[in-house]
């Protein structure tokens, strides 16, 4: 097995892109460096790919990762994107894949969390909020790893909490 050196970031990209962008901003900055190498730079899956092809690509990235960072927002636990029933090759009458692939009803986020736990990666759960609310976290990582709020609230405003995130990621 290849050496695991990357950091894998998982999130509901439609709802929490701001938090993902903030992590990259800190990582790319000379001043705020988190200094991680993003596993998503390894391979890319097109949005037009089959869900199972995208999951295979995600698996390759996870296989190169030592740290799994999940950003939890409003819809992380309930997002269904990636489930086979939303793929054009899924036959809802036979509950099978028209291309002969195995059927997987997990969302991309559920798949990523399951694999990260199964592979024993360092788990870091960052909440795109000023508080940790584990009820919004996928069950498989709810009670594992480090859970930290990405923001703090002060003087009526929310601010990104760089130090808390840096401490959590390590």
Protein backbone atom coordinates (compact mmCIF):
# COMPACT_ATOMS: atom_id res chain seq x y z
CA UNK A 1 0.00 0.00 0.00
CA UNK A 2 1.23 3.49 -0.84
CA UNK A 3 2.15 5.84 1.97
CA UNK A 4 -0.77 7.94 3.18
CA UNK A 5 0.26 11.59 3.17
CA UNK A 6 -2.76 13.59 2.03
CA UNK A 7 -5.64 15.33 3.78
CA UNK A 8 -9.10 14.50 2.48
CA UNK A 9 -11.83 17.13 2.77
CA UNK A 10 -15.46 15.99 2.62
CA UNK A 11 -18.43 18.34 2.70
CA UNK A 12 -21.81 19.16 1.28
CA UNK A 13 -20.28 21.29 -1.47
CA UNK A 14 -23.56 23.05 -2.23
CA UNK A 15 -24.17 24.16 1.36
CA UNK A 16 -20.69 24.45 2.84
CA UNK A 17 -18.45 25.62 0.00
CA UNK A 18 -17.63 28.75 2.04
CA UNK A 19 -16.03 26.60 4.76
CA UNK A 20 -14.11 24.50 2.21
CA UNK A 21 -12.88 27.69 0.52
CA UNK A 22 -11.79 29.08 3.91
CA UNK A 23 -9.72 25.95 4.64
CA UNK A 24 -8.00 26.32 1.27
CA UNK A 25 -7.45 30.05 1.86
CA UNK A 26 -5.71 29.30 5.16
CA UNK A 27 -3.74 26.46 3.59
CA UNK A 28 -2.57 28.53 0.61
CA UNK A 29 -1.62 31.58 2.69
CA UNK A 30 1.94 32.27 3.79
CA UNK A 31 0.62 33.66 7.09
CA UNK A 32 -2.22 31.26 7.92
CA UNK A 33 -0.68 28.05 6.67
CA UNK A 34 -2.42 24.87 7.76
CA UNK A 35 0.07 23.04 5.48
CA UNK A 36 -1.93 20.08 4.22
CA UNK A 37 -1.85 18.49 0.79
CA UNK A 38 -5.40 18.10 -0.53
CA UNK A 39 -6.19 14.57 -1.70
CA UNK A 40 -8.61 16.03 -4.27
CA UNK A 41 -5.60 17.17 -6.31
CA UNK A 42 -4.86 13.49 -7.14
CA UNK A 43 -7.73 12.57 -9.44
CA UNK A 44 -10.84 14.27 -10.67
CA UNK A 45 -14.22 12.78 -11.47
CA UNK A 46 -16.48 14.73 -13.76
CA UNK A 47 -19.94 15.62 -12.52
CA UNK A 48 -21.30 13.70 -15.53
CA UNK A 49 -19.70 10.46 -14.34
CA UNK A 50 -21.71 7.60 -12.89
CA UNK A 51 -22.06 7.73 -9.10
CA UNK A 52 -20.10 4.48 -8.79
CA UNK A 53 -17.26 5.94 -10.91
CA UNK A 54 -17.17 9.02 -8.73
CA UNK A 55 -17.09 6.85 -5.58
CA UNK A 56 -14.18 4.86 -7.07
CA UNK A 57 -12.32 8.15 -7.61
CA UNK A 58 -13.13 9.23 -4.03
CA UNK A 59 -11.81 5.86 -2.81
CA UNK A 60 -8.49 6.42 -4.62
CA UNK A 61 -8.11 9.78 -2.91
CA UNK A 62 -9.03 8.34 0.49
CA UNK A 63 -6.46 5.56 0.01
CA UNK A 64 -3.73 8.23 -0.20
CA UNK A 65 -5.00 10.12 2.85
CA UNK A 66 -3.93 10.01 6.48
CA UNK A 67 -6.39 12.65 7.70
CA UNK A 68 -10.11 12.85 6.94
CA UNK A 69 -11.71 16.26 7.47
CA UNK A 70 -15.51 16.38 7.35
CA UNK A 71 -17.17 19.78 7.30
CA UNK A 72 -20.62 19.51 8.86
CA UNK A 73 -23.28 22.04 7.96
CA UNK A 74 -27.06 22.24 7.91
CA UNK A 75 -27.64 19.37 5.43
CA UNK A 76 -24.57 17.16 5.77
CA UNK A 77 -26.38 14.28 7.46
CA UNK A 78 -29.38 14.33 5.09
CA UNK A 79 -27.79 15.07 1.70
CA UNK A 80 -28.46 12.15 -0.69
CA UNK A 81 -26.22 13.01 -3.66
CA UNK A 82 -24.26 9.93 -4.75
CA UNK A 83 -26.89 7.36 -3.90
CA UNK A 84 -27.49 4.91 -6.76
CA UNK A 85 -31.22 5.63 -6.87
CA UNK A 86 -30.31 9.09 -8.28
CA UNK A 87 -28.16 7.65 -11.07
CA UNK A 88 -29.50 7.34 -14.61
CA UNK A 89 -28.35 3.71 -14.71
CA UNK A 90 -30.44 2.67 -11.70
CA UNK A 91 -33.51 0.56 -12.52
CA UNK A 92 -36.15 1.35 -9.89
CA UNK A 93 -38.26 -1.67 -10.93
CA UNK A 94 -35.53 -4.26 -10.38
CA UNK A 95 -33.50 -2.25 -7.83
CA UNK A 96 -30.38 -2.93 -9.89
CA UNK A 97 -27.82 -1.15 -12.02
CA UNK A 98 -28.41 -1.35 -15.76
CA UNK A 99 -24.62 -1.43 -16.23
CA UNK A 100 -24.14 -4.40 -13.92
CA UNK A 101 -22.51 -2.51 -11.05
CA UNK A 102 -23.41 -3.24 -7.44
CA UNK A 103 -26.02 -0.90 -5.96
CA UNK A 104 -24.97 1.42 -3.14
CA UNK A 105 -27.63 3.62 -1.53
CA UNK A 106 -25.11 5.64 0.51
CA UNK A 107 -24.55 9.29 -0.34
CA UNK A 108 -21.04 10.40 -1.25
CA UNK A 109 -20.62 11.76 2.29
CA UNK A 110 -21.77 8.48 3.88
CA UNK A 111 -19.41 6.53 1.60
CA UNK A 112 -16.48 8.83 2.48
CA UNK A 113 -17.18 8.65 6.24
CA UNK A 114 -17.57 4.84 6.19
CA UNK A 115 -14.30 4.36 4.31
CA UNK A 116 -12.37 6.83 6.48
CA UNK A 117 -13.46 5.01 9.66
CA UNK A 118 -12.89 1.53 8.16
CA UNK A 119 -9.39 2.54 7.00
CA UNK A 120 -8.47 4.02 10.39
CA UNK A 121 -7.81 7.56 9.20
CA UNK A 122 -7.41 10.44 11.64
CA UNK A 123 -10.94 11.91 11.80
CA UNK A 124 -11.48 15.66 12.16
CA UNK A 125 -15.06 16.96 12.12
CA UNK A 126 -15.37 20.71 11.60
CA UNK A 127 -18.76 22.36 12.08
CA UNK A 128 -19.57 25.26 9.76
CA UNK A 129 -21.00 27.05 12.79
CA UNK A 130 -20.03 28.55 16.15
CA UNK A 131 -21.09 25.42 18.05
CA UNK A 132 -20.64 21.66 17.75
CA UNK A 133 -24.00 19.99 17.05
CA UNK A 134 -23.42 16.26 16.69
CA UNK A 135 -27.05 15.68 15.66
CA UNK A 136 -26.05 17.11 12.25
CA UNK A 137 -23.09 14.73 11.96
CA UNK A 138 -23.27 11.39 10.10
CA UNK A 139 -23.66 8.59 12.66
CA UNK A 140 -20.48 6.69 11.70
CA UNK A 141 -18.24 9.64 12.75
CA UNK A 142 -20.49 11.19 15.40
CA UNK A 143 -18.52 9.70 18.30
CA UNK A 144 -15.05 9.44 16.83
CA UNK A 145 -12.22 11.86 16.19
CA UNK A 146 -11.97 15.54 17.03
CA UNK A 147 -15.08 17.73 16.74
CA UNK A 148 -14.56 21.50 16.52
CA UNK A 149 -16.60 24.56 15.56
CA UNK A 150 -15.06 26.51 12.66
CA UNK A 151 -16.47 29.84 13.83
CA UNK A 152 -16.94 31.91 16.94
CA UNK A 153 -19.51 34.58 17.73
CA UNK A 154 -18.39 37.91 19.15
CA UNK A 155 -19.91 41.40 19.23
CA UNK A 156 -22.93 40.25 17.22
CA UNK A 157 -20.86 38.79 14.36
CA UNK A 158 -19.50 35.40 13.28
CA UNK A 159 -15.79 34.99 12.59
CA UNK A 160 -13.72 32.09 11.26
CA UNK A 161 -11.70 30.48 14.07
CA UNK A 162 -8.34 29.70 12.49
CA UNK A 163 -6.64 28.58 15.70
CA UNK A 164 -9.38 26.09 16.61
CA UNK A 165 -9.25 24.58 13.11
CA UNK A 166 -5.44 24.46 13.11
CA UNK A 167 -5.44 22.75 16.51
CA UNK A 168 -8.02 20.19 15.33
CA UNK A 169 -6.26 19.32 12.08
CA UNK A 170 -2.84 19.32 13.74
